PDB file of N, CA and C in Angstrom:
ATOM      1  N   UNK A   1      27.803  -0.199   7.087  1.00  0.00           N
ATOM      2  CA  UNK A   1      26.431   0.027   6.653  1.00  0.00           C
ATOM      3  C   UNK A   1      25.600  -1.183   7.067  1.00  0.00           C
ATOM      4  N   UNK A   2      24.548  -0.913   7.843  1.00  0.00           N
ATOM      5  CA  UNK A   2      23.734  -2.037   8.306  1.00  0.00           C
ATOM      6  C   UNK A   2      22.642  -2.385   7.283  1.00  0.00           C
ATOM      7  N   UNK A   3      21.922  -3.437   7.555  1.00  0.00           N
ATOM      8  CA  UNK A   3      20.960  -3.974   6.608  1.00  0.00           C
ATOM      9  C   UNK A   3      19.788  -3.035   6.364  1.00  0.00           C
ATOM     10  N   UNK A   4      19.279  -2.391   7.409  1.00  0.00           N
ATOM     11  CA  UNK A   4      18.112  -1.524   7.221  1.00  0.00           C
ATOM     12  C   UNK A   4      18.459  -0.298   6.372  1.00  0.00           C
ATOM     13  N   UNK A   5      19.674   0.205   6.518  1.00  0.00           N
ATOM     14  CA  UNK A   5      20.112   1.332   5.687  1.00  0.00           C
ATOM     15  C   UNK A   5      20.224   0.905   4.232  1.00  0.00           C
ATOM     16  N   UNK A   6      20.737  -0.275   4.003  1.00  0.00           N
ATOM     17  CA  UNK A   6      20.881  -0.796   2.642  1.00  0.00           C
ATOM     18  C   UNK A   6      19.514  -0.985   1.991  1.00  0.00           C
ATOM     19  N   UNK A   7      18.557  -1.513   2.730  1.00  0.00           N
ATOM     20  CA  UNK A   7      17.211  -1.723   2.194  1.00  0.00           C
ATOM     21  C   UNK A   7      16.563  -0.385   1.857  1.00  0.00           C
ATOM     22  N   UNK A   8      16.726   0.602   2.725  1.00  0.00           N
ATOM     23  CA  UNK A   8      16.161   1.921   2.467  1.00  0.00           C
ATOM     24  C   UNK A   8      16.774   2.543   1.219  1.00  0.00           C
ATOM     25  N   UNK A   9      18.073   2.386   1.045  1.00  0.00           N
ATOM     26  CA  UNK A   9      18.725   2.918  -0.152  1.00  0.00           C
ATOM     27  C   UNK A   9      18.218   2.232  -1.421  1.00  0.00           C
ATOM     28  N   UNK A  10      18.011   0.931  -1.355  1.00  0.00           N
ATOM     29  CA  UNK A  10      17.476   0.205  -2.507  1.00  0.00           C
ATOM     30  C   UNK A  10      16.040   0.627  -2.821  1.00  0.00           C
ATOM     31  N   UNK A  11      15.248   0.881  -1.790  1.00  0.00           N
ATOM     32  CA  UNK A  11      13.884   1.357  -1.999  1.00  0.00           C
ATOM     33  C   UNK A  11      13.892   2.725  -2.677  1.00  0.00           C
ATOM     34  N   UNK A  12      14.751   3.612  -2.205  1.00  0.00           N
ATOM     35  CA  UNK A  12      14.858   4.934  -2.821  1.00  0.00           C
ATOM     36  C   UNK A  12      15.358   4.841  -4.258  1.00  0.00           C
ATOM     37  N   UNK A  13      16.298   3.939  -4.498  1.00  0.00           N
ATOM     38  CA  UNK A  13      16.808   3.742  -5.850  1.00  0.00           C
ATOM     39  C   UNK A  13      15.706   3.262  -6.792  1.00  0.00           C
ATOM     40  N   UNK A  14      14.874   2.346  -6.325  1.00  0.00           N
ATOM     41  CA  UNK A  14      13.758   1.863  -7.144  1.00  0.00           C
ATOM     42  C   UNK A  14      12.764   2.982  -7.429  1.00  0.00           C
ATOM     43  N   UNK A  15      12.498   3.821  -6.444  1.00  0.00           N
ATOM     44  CA  UNK A  15      11.578   4.936  -6.641  1.00  0.00           C
ATOM     45  C   UNK A  15      12.136   5.945  -7.636  1.00  0.00           C
ATOM     46  N   UNK A  16      13.406   6.271  -7.503  1.00  0.00           N
ATOM     47  CA  UNK A  16      14.042   7.218  -8.431  1.00  0.00           C
ATOM     48  C   UNK A  16      14.084   6.644  -9.846  1.00  0.00           C
ATOM     49  N   UNK A  17      14.375   5.369  -9.971  1.00  0.00           N
ATOM     50  CA  UNK A  17      14.399   4.729 -11.288  1.00  0.00           C
ATOM     51  C   UNK A  17      13.011   4.741 -11.921  1.00  0.00           C
ATOM     52  N   UNK A  18      11.988   4.518 -11.119  1.00  0.00           N
ATOM     53  CA  UNK A  18      10.616   4.562 -11.631  1.00  0.00           C
ATOM     54  C   UNK A  18      10.229   5.951 -12.098  1.00  0.00           C
ATOM     55  N   UNK A  19      10.598   6.965 -11.326  1.00  0.00           N
ATOM     56  CA  UNK A  19      10.285   8.342 -11.719  1.00  0.00           C
ATOM     57  C   UNK A  19      11.043   8.725 -12.990  1.00  0.00           C
ATOM     58  N   UNK A  20      12.295   8.285 -13.088  1.00  0.00           N
ATOM     59  CA  UNK A  20      13.074   8.557 -14.299  1.00  0.00           C
ATOM     60  C   UNK A  20      12.436   7.890 -15.507  1.00  0.00           C
ATOM     61  N   UNK A  21      11.940   6.693 -15.325  1.00  0.00           N
ATOM     62  CA  UNK A  21      11.309   5.966 -16.423  1.00  0.00           C
ATOM     63  C   UNK A  21      10.002   6.640 -16.846  1.00  0.00           C
ATOM     64  N   UNK A  22       9.261   7.182 -15.882  1.00  0.00           N
ATOM     65  CA  UNK A  22       8.049   7.928 -16.232  1.00  0.00           C
ATOM     66  C   UNK A  22       8.397   9.183 -17.023  1.00  0.00           C
ATOM     67  N   UNK A  23       9.474   9.844 -16.653  1.00  0.00           N
ATOM     68  CA  UNK A  23       9.927  11.032 -17.386  1.00  0.00           C
ATOM     69  C   UNK A  23      10.337  10.647 -18.817  1.00  0.00           C
ATOM     70  N   UNK A  24      11.015   9.498 -18.944  1.00  0.00           N
ATOM     71  CA  UNK A  24      11.422   9.014 -20.265  1.00  0.00           C
ATOM     72  C   UNK A  24      10.197   8.701 -21.124  1.00  0.00           C
ATOM     73  N   UNK A  25       9.155   8.160 -20.516  1.00  0.00           N
ATOM     74  CA  UNK A  25       7.918   7.874 -21.252  1.00  0.00           C
ATOM     75  C   UNK A  25       7.319   9.156 -21.798  1.00  0.00           C
ATOM     76  N   UNK A  26       7.358  10.200 -21.012  1.00  0.00           N
ATOM     77  CA  UNK A  26       6.853  11.497 -21.461  1.00  0.00           C
ATOM     78  C   UNK A  26       7.650  12.003 -22.659  1.00  0.00           C
ATOM     79  N   UNK A  27       8.958  11.840 -22.624  1.00  0.00           N
ATOM     80  CA  UNK A  27       9.812  12.285 -23.733  1.00  0.00           C
ATOM     81  C   UNK A  27       9.548  11.455 -24.996  1.00  0.00           C
ATOM     82  N   UNK A  28       9.373  10.144 -24.825  1.00  0.00           N
ATOM     83  CA  UNK A  28       9.041   9.302 -25.983  1.00  0.00           C
ATOM     84  C   UNK A  28       7.713   9.725 -26.595  1.00  0.00           C
ATOM     85  N   UNK A  29       6.757  10.046 -25.769  1.00  0.00           N
ATOM     86  CA  UNK A  29       5.449  10.451 -26.281  1.00  0.00           C
ATOM     87  C   UNK A  29       5.553  11.757 -27.074  1.00  0.00           C
ATOM     88  N   UNK A  30       6.391  12.664 -26.615  1.00  0.00           N
ATOM     89  CA  UNK A  30       6.599  13.920 -27.351  1.00  0.00           C
ATOM     90  C   UNK A  30       7.229  13.674 -28.714  1.00  0.00           C
ATOM     91  N   UNK A  31       8.033  12.609 -28.816  1.00  0.00           N
ATOM     92  CA  UNK A  31       8.711  12.272 -30.070  1.00  0.00           C
ATOM     93  C   UNK A  31       7.857  11.371 -30.970  1.00  0.00           C
ATOM     94  N   UNK A  32       6.608  11.173 -30.602  1.00  0.00           N
ATOM     95  CA  UNK A  32       5.669  10.338 -31.366  1.00  0.00           C
ATOM     96  C   UNK A  32       6.079   8.862 -31.407  1.00  0.00           C
ATOM     97  N   UNK A  33       6.801   8.412 -30.409  1.00  0.00           N
ATOM     98  CA  UNK A  33       7.174   6.997 -30.295  1.00  0.00           C
ATOM     99  C   UNK A  33       6.257   6.363 -29.259  1.00  0.00           C
ATOM    100  N   UNK A  34       5.036   6.076 -29.681  1.00  0.00           N
ATOM    101  CA  UNK A  34       4.001   5.656 -28.735  1.00  0.00           C
ATOM    102  C   UNK A  34       4.260   4.269 -28.145  1.00  0.00           C
ATOM    103  N   UNK A  35       4.800   3.352 -28.919  1.00  0.00           N
ATOM    104  CA  UNK A  35       5.059   2.011 -28.385  1.00  0.00           C
ATOM    105  C   UNK A  35       6.115   2.066 -27.287  1.00  0.00           C
ATOM    106  N   UNK A  36       7.181   2.832 -27.519  1.00  0.00           N
ATOM    107  CA  UNK A  36       8.220   2.973 -26.507  1.00  0.00           C
ATOM    108  C   UNK A  36       7.685   3.716 -25.294  1.00  0.00           C
ATOM    109  N   UNK A  37       6.804   4.669 -25.527  1.00  0.00           N
ATOM    110  CA  UNK A  37       6.217   5.421 -24.419  1.00  0.00           C
ATOM    111  C   UNK A  37       5.378   4.509 -23.532  1.00  0.00           C
ATOM    112  N   UNK A  38       4.608   3.633 -24.138  1.00  0.00           N
ATOM    113  CA  UNK A  38       3.771   2.706 -23.366  1.00  0.00           C
ATOM    114  C   UNK A  38       4.647   1.730 -22.580  1.00  0.00           C
ATOM    115  N   UNK A  39       5.685   1.205 -23.222  1.00  0.00           N
ATOM    116  CA  UNK A  39       6.583   0.275 -22.537  1.00  0.00           C
ATOM    117  C   UNK A  39       7.284   0.958 -21.366  1.00  0.00           C
ATOM    118  N   UNK A  40       7.744   2.164 -21.599  1.00  0.00           N
ATOM    119  CA  UNK A  40       8.438   2.909 -20.544  1.00  0.00           C
ATOM    120  C   UNK A  40       7.476   3.282 -19.423  1.00  0.00           C
ATOM    121  N   UNK A  41       6.264   3.627 -19.762  1.00  0.00           N
ATOM    122  CA  UNK A  41       5.248   3.960 -18.762  1.00  0.00           C
ATOM    123  C   UNK A  41       4.948   2.759 -17.872  1.00  0.00           C
ATOM    124  N   UNK A  42       4.809   1.593 -18.474  1.00  0.00           N
ATOM    125  CA  UNK A  42       4.550   0.374 -17.689  1.00  0.00           C
ATOM    126  C   UNK A  42       5.696   0.077 -16.735  1.00  0.00           C
ATOM    127  N   UNK A  43       6.918   0.191 -17.201  1.00  0.00           N
ATOM    128  CA  UNK A  43       8.068  -0.070 -16.348  1.00  0.00           C
ATOM    129  C   UNK A  43       8.169   0.957 -15.223  1.00  0.00           C
ATOM    130  N   UNK A  44       7.870   2.211 -15.524  1.00  0.00           N
ATOM    131  CA  UNK A  44       7.916   3.253 -14.508  1.00  0.00           C
ATOM    132  C   UNK A  44       6.877   3.053 -13.424  1.00  0.00           C
ATOM    133  N   UNK A  45       5.667   2.716 -13.825  1.00  0.00           N
ATOM    134  CA  UNK A  45       4.598   2.469 -12.854  1.00  0.00           C
ATOM    135  C   UNK A  45       4.937   1.256 -11.991  1.00  0.00           C
ATOM    136  N   UNK A  46       5.472   0.208 -12.620  1.00  0.00           N
ATOM    137  CA  UNK A  46       5.830  -0.997 -11.880  1.00  0.00           C
ATOM    138  C   UNK A  46       6.922  -0.706 -10.850  1.00  0.00           C
ATOM    139  N   UNK A  47       7.956   0.045 -11.251  1.00  0.00           N
ATOM    140  CA  UNK A  47       9.052   0.358 -10.330  1.00  0.00           C
ATOM    141  C   UNK A  47       8.562   1.221  -9.174  1.00  0.00           C
ATOM    142  N   UNK A  48       7.739   2.217  -9.463  1.00  0.00           N
ATOM    143  CA  UNK A  48       7.209   3.080  -8.402  1.00  0.00           C
ATOM    144  C   UNK A  48       6.300   2.286  -7.456  1.00  0.00           C
ATOM    145  N   UNK A  49       5.475   1.424  -8.014  1.00  0.00           N
ATOM    146  CA  UNK A  49       4.581   0.619  -7.188  1.00  0.00           C
ATOM    147  C   UNK A  49       5.378  -0.321  -6.278  1.00  0.00           C
ATOM    148  N   UNK A  50       6.407  -0.936  -6.811  1.00  0.00           N
ATOM    149  CA  UNK A  50       7.239  -1.830  -6.001  1.00  0.00           C
ATOM    150  C   UNK A  50       7.925  -1.075  -4.882  1.00  0.00           C
ATOM    151  N   UNK A  51       8.424   0.122  -5.183  1.00  0.00           N
ATOM    152  CA  UNK A  51       9.091   0.929  -4.150  1.00  0.00           C
ATOM    153  C   UNK A  51       8.112   1.331  -3.067  1.00  0.00           C
ATOM    154  N   UNK A  52       6.926   1.755  -3.441  1.00  0.00           N
ATOM    155  CA  UNK A  52       5.932   2.199  -2.452  1.00  0.00           C
ATOM    156  C   UNK A  52       5.472   1.021  -1.608  1.00  0.00           C
ATOM    157  N   UNK A  53       5.242  -0.115  -2.237  1.00  0.00           N
ATOM    158  CA  UNK A  53       4.832  -1.306  -1.480  1.00  0.00           C
ATOM    159  C   UNK A  53       5.935  -1.718  -0.508  1.00  0.00           C
ATOM    160  N   UNK A  54       7.173  -1.602  -0.948  1.00  0.00           N
ATOM    161  CA  UNK A  54       8.293  -1.937  -0.068  1.00  0.00           C
ATOM    162  C   UNK A  54       8.424  -0.953   1.087  1.00  0.00           C
ATOM    163  N   UNK A  55       8.204   0.331   0.826  1.00  0.00           N
ATOM    164  CA  UNK A  55       8.270   1.332   1.898  1.00  0.00           C
ATOM    165  C   UNK A  55       7.212   1.076   2.955  1.00  0.00           C
ATOM    166  N   UNK A  56       6.009   0.745   2.516  1.00  0.00           N
ATOM    167  CA  UNK A  56       4.914   0.564   3.465  1.00  0.00           C
ATOM    168  C   UNK A  56       4.998  -0.773   4.193  1.00  0.00           C
ATOM    169  N   UNK A  57       5.715  -1.733   3.643  1.00  0.00           N
ATOM    170  CA  UNK A  57       5.866  -3.017   4.297  1.00  0.00           C
ATOM    171  C   UNK A  57       4.660  -3.916   4.137  1.00  0.00           C
ATOM    172  N   UNK A  58       3.891  -3.723   3.090  1.00  0.00           N
ATOM    173  CA  UNK A  58       2.694  -4.534   2.858  1.00  0.00           C
ATOM    174  C   UNK A  58       3.090  -5.998   2.628  1.00  0.00           C
ATOM    175  N   UNK A  59       4.139  -6.207   1.872  1.00  0.00           N
ATOM    176  CA  UNK A  59       4.562  -7.573   1.572  1.00  0.00           C
ATOM    177  C   UNK A  59       5.741  -7.990   2.398  1.00  0.00           C
TER     178      UNK A  59
END
């Protein structure tokens, strides 16, 4: 496995983790756990943003 394949897999993993965290935030909100929902939402947005920035090569 070469380096570019490994980086792409890590980028996809970060994106999937971010989407999962956004889904978890939605579930927390349904359970009336607003503080956990906000924390999970922030982490999900951060993970998705990092993955997208990494895919585009901005940084």
